[in-house]
Each structure stands twice: as structure tokens, then as C-alpha cells.
Amino acid sequence: MKTQVKHTMGPWYLDFDTVSTEPRRKGYVLAQVSFGSIDPDEVKANAHLIAAAPELLEACKLVAATFKRSNDSGNFLGDDEHEAWNKVDKAIAKAEGVPCHE
């Protein structure tokens, strides 16, 4: 069985001028960002999303736990919550590189 590799713990931060992957400011430069033929604003938006990934994963896990508690107590209101819960579970699985149910 394949062992799951854990991601680099945050905080992650953006640095468009540094190529280093060494720890800095108690965080990590995730990747070198270069501006070529891609729209620079799109590159920056992508970089911001990637840098927020650890916090987004943590938030998704908290939301999933909240949905589970609500469901277990019979307080779920309906289809919207189940749809949101399903999307949160899929995002967690994708972030952790594990298969998810459809």
C-alpha cells in the first residue's frame, strides 16, 4: 500500500522575485513564478490561490466536520447542504491525492 505524503506545512507566501526554496520568514516559497505569454494578472491570481491552499484545506476539513455533526444530529436542512458537503469532500480528496466517491 502506498504511503500518503504530507504537504509542506505553511505558512506559504508569495515572492515573485526569489527562486529560493529555503525556509524564509517561517514560511516557504512554493514555486518560482515567471511571466511569459500568460497574462501576468492570471499568473498572480493562480499564485495567490496556490499559496492559500493549506488554509483552504484546513477550512474544508472544519466545514466537513461541521456538516457531519449536523447530519448526525438530524439538523441538516436539505439538498444544498448535501451538495456543499459533497463538494467539500471532493476538494479534500483532491488536495490529499486520494480517490473520492462520485
PDB file of N, CA and C in Angstrom:
ATOM      1  N   MET A   1       0.841  -1.183   0.000  1.00  0.00           N
ATOM      2  CA  MET A   1       0.000   0.000   0.000  1.00  0.00           C
ATOM      3  C   MET A   1       0.883   1.242   0.000  1.00  0.00           C
ATOM      4  N   LYS A   2       0.500   2.222  -0.786  1.00  0.00           N
ATOM      5  CA  LYS A   2       1.267   3.448  -0.926  1.00  0.00           C
ATOM      6  C   LYS A   2       1.043   4.356   0.287  1.00  0.00           C
ATOM      7  N   THR A   3       2.142   4.873   0.848  1.00  0.00           N
ATOM      8  CA  THR A   3       2.066   5.781   1.982  1.00  0.00           C
ATOM      9  C   THR A   3       1.753   7.192   1.480  1.00  0.00           C
ATOM     10  N   GLN A   4       0.805   7.838   2.137  1.00  0.00           N
ATOM     11  CA  GLN A   4       0.446   9.198   1.740  1.00  0.00           C
ATOM     12  C   GLN A   4       1.533  10.171   2.181  1.00  0.00           C
ATOM     13  N   VAL A   5       1.987  10.996   1.251  1.00  0.00           N
ATOM     14  CA  VAL A   5       2.986  12.018   1.547  1.00  0.00           C
ATOM     15  C   VAL A   5       2.258  13.279   1.990  1.00  0.00           C
ATOM     16  N   LYS A   6       2.704  13.857   3.075  1.00  0.00           N
ATOM     17  CA  LYS A   6       2.093  15.080   3.600  1.00  0.00           C
ATOM     18  C   LYS A   6       2.658  16.297   2.872  1.00  0.00           C
ATOM     19  N   HIS A   7       1.827  17.324   2.722  1.00  0.00           N
ATOM     20  CA  HIS A   7       2.290  18.557   2.078  1.00  0.00           C
ATOM     21  C   HIS A   7       3.190  19.354   3.026  1.00  0.00           C
ATOM     22  N   THR A   8       3.941  20.265   2.455  1.00  0.00           N
ATOM     23  CA  THR A   8       4.780  21.157   3.249  1.00  0.00           C
ATOM     24  C   THR A   8       3.876  22.040   4.096  1.00  0.00           C
ATOM     25  N   MET A   9       4.111  22.037   5.380  1.00  0.00           N
ATOM     26  CA  MET A   9       3.280  22.838   6.271  1.00  0.00           C
ATOM     27  C   MET A   9       3.520  24.315   6.005  1.00  0.00           C
ATOM     28  N   GLY A  10       2.486  25.109   6.127  1.00  0.00           N
ATOM     29  CA  GLY A  10       2.568  26.541   5.894  1.00  0.00           C
ATOM     30  C   GLY A  10       3.205  27.254   7.053  1.00  0.00           C
ATOM     31  N   PRO A  11       3.211  28.538   7.059  1.00  0.00           N
ATOM     32  CA  PRO A  11       2.536  29.317   6.024  1.00  0.00           C
ATOM     33  C   PRO A  11       3.331  29.352   4.728  1.00  0.00           C
ATOM     34  N   TRP A  12       2.611  29.361   3.626  1.00  0.00           N
ATOM     35  CA  TRP A  12       3.218  29.569   2.325  1.00  0.00           C
ATOM     36  C   TRP A  12       3.036  31.044   2.001  1.00  0.00           C
ATOM     37  N   TYR A  13       3.949  31.610   1.253  1.00  0.00           N
ATOM     38  CA  TYR A  13       3.808  33.013   0.887  1.00  0.00           C
ATOM     39  C   TYR A  13       4.279  33.207  -0.539  1.00  0.00           C
ATOM     40  N   LEU A  14       3.921  34.332  -1.092  1.00  0.00           N
ATOM     41  CA  LEU A  14       4.277  34.655  -2.461  1.00  0.00           C
ATOM     42  C   LEU A  14       5.527  35.509  -2.476  1.00  0.00           C
ATOM     43  N   ASP A  15       6.410  35.191  -3.379  1.00  0.00           N
ATOM     44  CA  ASP A  15       7.596  36.005  -3.590  1.00  0.00           C
ATOM     45  C   ASP A  15       7.931  35.903  -5.063  1.00  0.00           C
ATOM     46  N   PHE A  16       7.597  36.923  -5.828  1.00  0.00           N
ATOM     47  CA  PHE A  16       7.772  36.893  -7.275  1.00  0.00           C
ATOM     48  C   PHE A  16       9.207  37.180  -7.694  1.00  0.00           C
ATOM     49  N   ASP A  17      10.092  37.479  -6.747  1.00  0.00           N
ATOM     50  CA  ASP A  17      11.471  37.812  -7.084  1.00  0.00           C
ATOM     51  C   ASP A  17      12.479  36.766  -6.643  1.00  0.00           C
ATOM     52  N   THR A  18      12.081  35.841  -5.773  1.00  0.00           N
ATOM     53  CA  THR A  18      13.008  34.887  -5.186  1.00  0.00           C
ATOM     54  C   THR A  18      12.830  33.512  -5.805  1.00  0.00           C
ATOM     55  N   VAL A  19      13.919  32.844  -6.094  1.00  0.00           N
ATOM     56  CA  VAL A  19      13.884  31.498  -6.652  1.00  0.00           C
ATOM     57  C   VAL A  19      14.147  30.468  -5.558  1.00  0.00           C
ATOM     58  N   SER A  20      14.530  30.896  -4.389  1.00  0.00           N
ATOM     59  CA  SER A  20      14.919  30.003  -3.300  1.00  0.00           C
ATOM     60  C   SER A  20      13.743  29.166  -2.811  1.00  0.00           C
ATOM     61  N   THR A  21      14.040  27.939  -2.397  1.00  0.00           N
ATOM     62  CA  THR A  21      13.024  27.108  -1.754  1.00  0.00           C
ATOM     63  C   THR A  21      13.367  26.920  -0.278  1.00  0.00           C
ATOM     64  N   GLU A  22      14.315  27.696   0.212  1.00  0.00           N
ATOM     65  CA  GLU A  22      14.709  27.606   1.612  1.00  0.00           C
ATOM     66  C   GLU A  22      13.666  28.285   2.501  1.00  0.00           C
ATOM     67  N   PRO A  23      13.509  27.788   3.736  1.00  0.00           N
ATOM     68  CA  PRO A  23      12.575  28.448   4.647  1.00  0.00           C
ATOM     69  C   PRO A  23      12.943  29.918   4.829  1.00  0.00           C
ATOM     70  N   ARG A  24      11.939  30.753   4.829  1.00  0.00           N
ATOM     71  CA  ARG A  24      12.143  32.182   4.995  1.00  0.00           C
ATOM     72  C   ARG A  24      10.925  32.765   5.696  1.00  0.00           C
ATOM     73  N   ARG A  25      11.121  33.650   6.591  1.00  0.00           N
ATOM     74  CA  ARG A  25      10.023  34.271   7.346  1.00  0.00           C
ATOM     75  C   ARG A  25       9.090  33.210   7.923  1.00  0.00           C
ATOM     76  N   LYS A  26       9.664  32.084   8.362  1.00  0.00           N
ATOM     77  CA  LYS A  26       8.894  30.974   8.919  1.00  0.00           C
ATOM     78  C   LYS A  26       7.866  30.455   7.924  1.00  0.00           C
ATOM     79  N   GLY A  27       8.173  30.539   6.650  1.00  0.00           N
ATOM     80  CA  GLY A  27       7.295  30.016   5.614  1.00  0.00           C
ATOM     81  C   GLY A  27       8.127  29.498   4.468  1.00  0.00           C
ATOM     82  N   TYR A  28       7.489  29.176   3.370  1.00  0.00           N
ATOM     83  CA  TYR A  28       8.182  28.604   2.230  1.00  0.00           C
ATOM     84  C   TYR A  28       7.747  29.275   0.944  1.00  0.00           C
ATOM     85  N   VAL A  29       8.729  29.516   0.078  1.00  0.00           N
ATOM     86  CA  VAL A  29       8.397  29.938  -1.275  1.00  0.00           C
ATOM     87  C   VAL A  29       7.943  28.677  -1.987  1.00  0.00           C
ATOM     88  N   LEU A  30       6.764  28.679  -2.528  1.00  0.00           N
ATOM     89  CA  LEU A  30       6.202  27.478  -3.132  1.00  0.00           C
ATOM     90  C   LEU A  30       6.816  27.178  -4.484  1.00  0.00           C
ATOM     91  N   ALA A  31       6.951  28.175  -5.326  1.00  0.00           N
ATOM     92  CA  ALA A  31       7.461  27.948  -6.673  1.00  0.00           C
ATOM     93  C   ALA A  31       7.919  29.269  -7.262  1.00  0.00           C
ATOM     94  N   GLN A  32       8.779  29.162  -8.223  1.00  0.00           N
ATOM     95  CA  GLN A  32       9.178  30.352  -8.962  1.00  0.00           C
ATOM     96  C   GLN A  32       8.035  30.687  -9.917  1.00  0.00           C
ATOM     97  N   VAL A  33       7.648  31.928  -9.948  1.00  0.00           N
ATOM     98  CA  VAL A  33       6.580  32.361 -10.836  1.00  0.00           C
ATOM     99  C   VAL A  33       7.202  33.191 -11.938  1.00  0.00           C
ATOM    100  N   SER A  34       7.001  32.763 -13.174  1.00  0.00           N
ATOM    101  CA  SER A  34       7.570  33.518 -14.291  1.00  0.00           C
ATOM    102  C   SER A  34       6.441  34.053 -15.155  1.00  0.00           C
ATOM    103  N   PHE A  35       6.700  35.163 -15.774  1.00  0.00           N
ATOM    104  CA  PHE A  35       5.720  35.798 -16.631  1.00  0.00           C
ATOM    105  C   PHE A  35       6.169  35.647 -18.071  1.00  0.00           C
ATOM    106  N   GLY A  36       5.466  34.840 -18.823  1.00  0.00           N
ATOM    107  CA  GLY A  36       5.787  34.648 -20.233  1.00  0.00           C
ATOM    108  C   GLY A  36       4.625  35.122 -21.065  1.00  0.00           C
ATOM    109  N   SER A  37       4.091  34.216 -21.866  1.00  0.00           N
ATOM    110  CA  SER A  37       2.977  34.567 -22.737  1.00  0.00           C
ATOM    111  C   SER A  37       1.647  34.546 -21.992  1.00  0.00           C
ATOM    112  N   ILE A  38       1.649  34.081 -20.744  1.00  0.00           N
ATOM    113  CA  ILE A  38       0.418  34.038 -19.953  1.00  0.00           C
ATOM    114  C   ILE A  38       0.180  35.417 -19.350  1.00  0.00           C
ATOM    115  N   ASP A  39      -1.070  35.791 -19.237  1.00  0.00           N
ATOM    116  CA  ASP A  39      -1.451  37.069 -18.636  1.00  0.00           C
ATOM    117  C   ASP A  39      -0.869  37.165 -17.225  1.00  0.00           C
ATOM    118  N   PRO A  40      -0.057  38.174 -16.944  1.00  0.00           N
ATOM    119  CA  PRO A  40       0.559  38.305 -15.609  1.00  0.00           C
ATOM    120  C   PRO A  40      -0.464  38.357 -14.476  1.00  0.00           C
ATOM    121  N   ASP A  41      -1.619  38.958 -14.711  1.00  0.00           N
ATOM    122  CA  ASP A  41      -2.644  39.005 -13.668  1.00  0.00           C
ATOM    123  C   ASP A  41      -3.188  37.605 -13.379  1.00  0.00           C
ATOM    124  N   GLU A  42      -3.310  36.785 -14.418  1.00  0.00           N
ATOM    125  CA  GLU A  42      -3.774  35.406 -14.226  1.00  0.00           C
ATOM    126  C   GLU A  42      -2.729  34.597 -13.457  1.00  0.00           C
ATOM    127  N   VAL A  43      -1.454  34.801 -13.771  1.00  0.00           N
ATOM    128  CA  VAL A  43      -0.379  34.112 -13.059  1.00  0.00           C
ATOM    129  C   VAL A  43      -0.415  34.490 -11.574  1.00  0.00           C
ATOM    130  N   LYS A  44      -0.568  35.772 -11.284  1.00  0.00           N
ATOM    131  CA  LYS A  44      -0.635  36.217  -9.890  1.00  0.00           C
ATOM    132  C   LYS A  44      -1.851  35.634  -9.180  1.00  0.00           C
ATOM    133  N   ALA A  45      -2.996  35.619  -9.848  1.00  0.00           N
ATOM    134  CA  ALA A  45      -4.206  35.054  -9.243  1.00  0.00           C
ATOM    135  C   ALA A  45      -4.005  33.564  -8.943  1.00  0.00           C
ATOM    136  N   ASN A  46      -3.378  32.836  -9.873  1.00  0.00           N
ATOM    137  CA  ASN A  46      -3.090  31.422  -9.642  1.00  0.00           C
ATOM    138  C   ASN A  46      -2.148  31.246  -8.454  1.00  0.00           C
ATOM    139  N   ALA A  47      -1.127  32.092  -8.377  1.00  0.00           N
ATOM    140  CA  ALA A  47      -0.165  32.010  -7.282  1.00  0.00           C
ATOM    141  C   ALA A  47      -0.835  32.270  -5.936  1.00  0.00           C
ATOM    142  N   HIS A  48      -1.724  33.243  -5.885  1.00  0.00           N
ATOM    143  CA  HIS A  48      -2.444  33.529  -4.637  1.00  0.00           C
ATOM    144  C   HIS A  48      -3.288  32.330  -4.208  1.00  0.00           C
ATOM    145  N   LEU A  49      -3.959  31.695  -5.156  1.00  0.00           N
ATOM    146  CA  LEU A  49      -4.780  30.519  -4.849  1.00  0.00           C
ATOM    147  C   LEU A  49      -3.916  29.380  -4.331  1.00  0.00           C
ATOM    148  N   ILE A  50      -2.777  29.147  -4.982  1.00  0.00           N
ATOM    149  CA  ILE A  50      -1.872  28.082  -4.545  1.00  0.00           C
ATOM    150  C   ILE A  50      -1.343  28.377  -3.145  1.00  0.00           C
ATOM    151  N   ALA A  51      -0.962  29.622  -2.890  1.00  0.00           N
ATOM    152  CA  ALA A  51      -0.430  29.986  -1.576  1.00  0.00           C
ATOM    153  C   ALA A  51      -1.470  29.820  -0.473  1.00  0.00           C
ATOM    154  N   ALA A  52      -2.744  29.968  -0.807  1.00  0.00           N
ATOM    155  CA  ALA A  52      -3.818  29.833   0.181  1.00  0.00           C
ATOM    156  C   ALA A  52      -4.227  28.381   0.405  1.00  0.00           C
ATOM    157  N   ALA A  53      -3.676  27.453  -0.383  1.00  0.00           N
ATOM    158  CA  ALA A  53      -4.112  26.057  -0.342  1.00  0.00           C
ATOM    159  C   ALA A  53      -4.098  25.418   1.050  1.00  0.00           C
ATOM    160  N   PRO A  54      -3.040  25.569   1.851  1.00  0.00           N
ATOM    161  CA  PRO A  54      -3.079  24.924   3.176  1.00  0.00           C
ATOM    162  C   PRO A  54      -4.235  25.427   4.053  1.00  0.00           C
ATOM    163  N   GLU A  55      -4.481  26.724   4.027  1.00  0.00           N
ATOM    164  CA  GLU A  55      -5.580  27.278   4.824  1.00  0.00           C
ATOM    165  C   GLU A  55      -6.938  26.839   4.272  1.00  0.00           C
ATOM    166  N   LEU A  56      -7.054  26.762   2.941  1.00  0.00           N
ATOM    167  CA  LEU A  56      -8.307  26.302   2.340  1.00  0.00           C
ATOM    168  C   LEU A  56      -8.582  24.845   2.694  1.00  0.00           C
ATOM    169  N   LEU A  57      -7.545  24.012   2.680  1.00  0.00           N
ATOM    170  CA  LEU A  57      -7.713  22.609   3.059  1.00  0.00           C
ATOM    171  C   LEU A  57      -8.149  22.495   4.515  1.00  0.00           C
ATOM    172  N   GLU A  58      -7.515  23.253   5.387  1.00  0.00           N
ATOM    173  CA  GLU A  58      -7.895  23.237   6.803  1.00  0.00           C
ATOM    174  C   GLU A  58      -9.350  23.680   6.983  1.00  0.00           C
ATOM    175  N   ALA A  59      -9.760  24.727   6.265  1.00  0.00           N
ATOM    176  CA  ALA A  59     -11.145  25.211   6.353  1.00  0.00           C
ATOM    177  C   ALA A  59     -12.116  24.157   5.841  1.00  0.00           C
ATOM    178  N   CYS A  60     -11.774  23.500   4.743  1.00  0.00           N
ATOM    179  CA  CYS A  60     -12.647  22.443   4.202  1.00  0.00           C
ATOM    180  C   CYS A  60     -12.836  21.320   5.212  1.00  0.00           C
ATOM    181  N   LYS A  61     -11.763  20.941   5.890  1.00  0.00           N
ATOM    182  CA  LYS A  61     -11.869  19.872   6.889  1.00  0.00           C
ATOM    183  C   LYS A  61     -12.775  20.284   8.050  1.00  0.00           C
ATOM    184  N   LEU A  62     -12.690  21.547   8.466  1.00  0.00           N
ATOM    185  CA  LEU A  62     -13.571  22.036   9.533  1.00  0.00           C
ATOM    186  C   LEU A  62     -15.023  22.064   9.077  1.00  0.00           C
ATOM    187  N   VAL A  63     -15.254  22.496   7.837  1.00  0.00           N
ATOM    188  CA  VAL A  63     -16.614  22.534   7.286  1.00  0.00           C
ATOM    189  C   VAL A  63     -17.179  21.117   7.182  1.00  0.00           C
ATOM    190  N   ALA A  64     -16.361  20.169   6.708  1.00  0.00           N
ATOM    191  CA  ALA A  64     -16.813  18.775   6.590  1.00  0.00           C
ATOM    192  C   ALA A  64     -17.193  18.214   7.960  1.00  0.00           C
ATOM    193  N   ALA A  65     -16.402  18.515   8.978  1.00  0.00           N
ATOM    194  CA  ALA A  65     -16.711  18.046  10.334  1.00  0.00           C
ATOM    195  C   ALA A  65     -18.015  18.663  10.841  1.00  0.00           C
ATOM    196  N   THR A  66     -18.228  19.937  10.524  1.00  0.00           N
ATOM    197  CA  THR A  66     -19.476  20.613  10.922  1.00  0.00           C
ATOM    198  C   THR A  66     -20.676  19.983  10.224  1.00  0.00           C
ATOM    199  N   PHE A  67     -20.541  19.739   8.907  1.00  0.00           N
ATOM    200  CA  PHE A  67     -21.624  19.081   8.165  1.00  0.00           C
ATOM    201  C   PHE A  67     -21.921  17.705   8.758  1.00  0.00           C
ATOM    202  N   LYS A  68     -20.891  16.943   9.112  1.00  0.00           N
ATOM    203  CA  LYS A  68     -21.094  15.606   9.666  1.00  0.00           C
ATOM    204  C   LYS A  68     -21.838  15.683  10.995  1.00  0.00           C
ATOM    205  N   ARG A  69     -21.416  16.614  11.859  1.00  0.00           N
ATOM    206  CA  ARG A  69     -22.112  16.767  13.155  1.00  0.00           C
ATOM    207  C   ARG A  69     -23.571  17.143  12.951  1.00  0.00           C
ATOM    208  N   SER A  70     -23.836  18.067  12.013  1.00  0.00           N
ATOM    209  CA  SER A  70     -25.221  18.473  11.742  1.00  0.00           C
ATOM    210  C   SER A  70     -26.034  17.304  11.215  1.00  0.00           C
ATOM    211  N   ASN A  71     -25.445  16.553  10.297  1.00  0.00           N
ATOM    212  CA  ASN A  71     -26.141  15.403   9.716  1.00  0.00           C
ATOM    213  C   ASN A  71     -26.428  14.346  10.785  1.00  0.00           C
ATOM    214  N   ASP A  72     -25.412  14.056  11.617  1.00  0.00           N
ATOM    215  CA  ASP A  72     -25.571  13.040  12.662  1.00  0.00           C
ATOM    216  C   ASP A  72     -26.631  13.428  13.693  1.00  0.00           C
ATOM    217  N   SER A  73     -26.817  14.742  13.905  1.00  0.00           N
ATOM    218  CA  SER A  73     -27.804  15.191  14.893  1.00  0.00           C
ATOM    219  C   SER A  73     -29.185  15.418  14.282  1.00  0.00           C
ATOM    220  N   GLY A  74     -29.295  15.211  12.958  1.00  0.00           N
ATOM    221  CA  GLY A  74     -30.589  15.380  12.300  1.00  0.00           C
ATOM    222  C   GLY A  74     -30.929  16.813  11.962  1.00  0.00           C
ATOM    223  N   ASN A  75     -29.969  17.709  12.017  1.00  0.00           N
ATOM    224  CA  ASN A  75     -30.215  19.127  11.783  1.00  0.00           C
ATOM    225  C   ASN A  75     -29.914  19.592  10.363  1.00  0.00           C
ATOM    226  N   PHE A  76     -29.628  18.678   9.453  1.00  0.00           N
ATOM    227  CA  PHE A  76     -29.358  19.076   8.068  1.00  0.00           C
ATOM    228  C   PHE A  76     -30.650  19.563   7.433  1.00  0.00           C
ATOM    229  N   LEU A  77     -30.566  20.665   6.689  1.00  0.00           N
ATOM    230  CA  LEU A  77     -31.772  21.271   6.133  1.00  0.00           C
ATOM    231  C   LEU A  77     -32.162  20.712   4.776  1.00  0.00           C
ATOM    232  N   GLY A  78     -31.205  20.324   3.948  1.00  0.00           N
ATOM    233  CA  GLY A  78     -31.635  19.836   2.642  1.00  0.00           C
ATOM    234  C   GLY A  78     -30.523  19.622   1.644  1.00  0.00           C
ATOM    235  N   ASP A  79     -30.954  19.620   0.380  1.00  0.00           N
ATOM    236  CA  ASP A  79     -30.071  19.273  -0.727  1.00  0.00           C
ATOM    237  C   ASP A  79     -28.885  20.220  -0.876  1.00  0.00           C
ATOM    238  N   ASP A  80     -29.070  21.511  -0.621  1.00  0.00           N
ATOM    239  CA  ASP A  80     -27.959  22.461  -0.764  1.00  0.00           C
ATOM    240  C   ASP A  80     -26.799  22.093   0.152  1.00  0.00           C
ATOM    241  N   GLU A  81     -27.114  21.723   1.382  1.00  0.00           N
ATOM    242  CA  GLU A  81     -26.061  21.352   2.321  1.00  0.00           C
ATOM    243  C   GLU A  81     -25.375  20.058   1.899  1.00  0.00           C
ATOM    244  N   HIS A  82     -26.157  19.095   1.419  1.00  0.00           N
ATOM    245  CA  HIS A  82     -25.560  17.840   0.960  1.00  0.00           C
ATOM    246  C   HIS A  82     -24.671  18.083  -0.264  1.00  0.00           C
ATOM    247  N   GLU A  83     -25.082  18.961  -1.162  1.00  0.00           N
ATOM    248  CA  GLU A  83     -24.272  19.292  -2.333  1.00  0.00           C
ATOM    249  C   GLU A  83     -22.971  19.975  -1.903  1.00  0.00           C
ATOM    250  N   ALA A  84     -23.078  20.902  -0.958  1.00  0.00           N
ATOM    251  CA  ALA A  84     -21.878  21.589  -0.461  1.00  0.00           C
ATOM    252  C   ALA A  84     -20.947  20.595   0.229  1.00  0.00           C
ATOM    253  N   TRP A  85     -21.488  19.709   1.039  1.00  0.00           N
ATOM    254  CA  TRP A  85     -20.701  18.701   1.742  1.00  0.00           C
ATOM    255  C   TRP A  85     -19.968  17.811   0.739  1.00  0.00           C
ATOM    256  N   ASN A  86     -20.666  17.391  -0.310  1.00  0.00           N
ATOM    257  CA  ASN A  86     -20.067  16.562  -1.349  1.00  0.00           C
ATOM    258  C   ASN A  86     -18.898  17.292  -2.021  1.00  0.00           C
ATOM    259  N   LYS A  87     -19.074  18.582  -2.324  1.00  0.00           N
ATOM    260  CA  LYS A  87     -18.005  19.360  -2.962  1.00  0.00           C
ATOM    261  C   LYS A  87     -16.815  19.541  -2.025  1.00  0.00           C
ATOM    262  N   VAL A  88     -17.078  19.746  -0.750  1.00  0.00           N
ATOM    263  CA  VAL A  88     -16.002  19.873   0.235  1.00  0.00           C
ATOM    264  C   VAL A  88     -15.234  18.558   0.328  1.00  0.00           C
ATOM    265  N   ASP A  89     -15.944  17.436   0.384  1.00  0.00           N
ATOM    266  CA  ASP A  89     -15.280  16.129   0.437  1.00  0.00           C
ATOM    267  C   ASP A  89     -14.421  15.890  -0.802  1.00  0.00           C
ATOM    268  N   LYS A  90     -14.922  16.258  -1.981  1.00  0.00           N
ATOM    269  CA  LYS A  90     -14.161  16.093  -3.221  1.00  0.00           C
ATOM    270  C   LYS A  90     -12.909  16.972  -3.215  1.00  0.00           C
ATOM    271  N   ALA A  91     -13.031  18.192  -2.715  1.00  0.00           N
ATOM    272  CA  ALA A  91     -11.876  19.098  -2.651  1.00  0.00           C
ATOM    273  C   ALA A  91     -10.814  18.548  -1.707  1.00  0.00           C
ATOM    274  N   ILE A  92     -11.238  18.011  -0.570  1.00  0.00           N
ATOM    275  CA  ILE A  92     -10.295  17.421   0.387  1.00  0.00           C
ATOM    276  C   ILE A  92      -9.583  16.232  -0.253  1.00  0.00           C
ATOM    277  N   ALA A  93     -10.342  15.359  -0.901  1.00  0.00           N
ATOM    278  CA  ALA A  93      -9.752  14.187  -1.552  1.00  0.00           C
ATOM    279  C   ALA A  93      -8.765  14.611  -2.636  1.00  0.00           C
ATOM    280  N   LYS A  94      -9.128  15.592  -3.432  1.00  0.00           N
ATOM    281  CA  LYS A  94      -8.241  16.078  -4.495  1.00  0.00           C
ATOM    282  C   LYS A  94      -6.957  16.650  -3.907  1.00  0.00           C
ATOM    283  N   ALA A  95      -7.079  17.427  -2.843  1.00  0.00           N
ATOM    284  CA  ALA A  95      -5.906  18.029  -2.205  1.00  0.00           C
ATOM    285  C   ALA A  95      -4.995  16.973  -1.595  1.00  0.00           C
ATOM    286  N   GLU A  96      -5.596  15.885  -1.113  1.00  0.00           N
ATOM    287  CA  GLU A  96      -4.807  14.838  -0.473  1.00  0.00           C
ATOM    288  C   GLU A  96      -4.414  13.717  -1.432  1.00  0.00           C
ATOM    289  N   GLY A  97      -4.854  13.824  -2.689  1.00  0.00           N
ATOM    290  CA  GLY A  97      -4.479  12.841  -3.696  1.00  0.00           C
ATOM    291  C   GLY A  97      -5.075  11.474  -3.472  1.00  0.00           C
ATOM    292  N   VAL A  98      -6.280  11.442  -2.917  1.00  0.00           N
ATOM    293  CA  VAL A  98      -6.946  10.161  -2.695  1.00  0.00           C
ATOM    294  C   VAL A  98      -8.230  10.093  -3.531  1.00  0.00           C
ATOM    295  N   PRO A  99      -8.639   8.875  -3.903  1.00  0.00           N
ATOM    296  CA  PRO A  99      -9.880   8.755  -4.672  1.00  0.00           C
ATOM    297  C   PRO A  99     -11.074   9.233  -3.872  1.00  0.00           C
ATOM    298  N   CYS A 100     -12.048   9.790  -4.548  1.00  0.00           N
ATOM    299  CA  CYS A 100     -13.265  10.210  -3.866  1.00  0.00           C
ATOM    300  C   CYS A 100     -14.464   9.581  -4.563  1.00  0.00           C
ATOM    301  N   HIS A 101     -15.557   9.487  -3.836  1.00  0.00           N
ATOM    302  CA  HIS A 101     -16.775   8.917  -4.391  1.00  0.00           C
ATOM    303  C   HIS A 101     -17.445   9.921  -5.317  1.00  0.00           C
ATOM    304  N   GLU A 102     -18.171   9.429  -6.262  1.00  0.00           N
ATOM    305  CA  GLU A 102     -18.906  10.307  -7.191  1.00  0.00           C
ATOM    306  C   GLU A 102     -20.361  10.336  -6.832  1.00  0.00           C
TER     307      GLU A 102
END
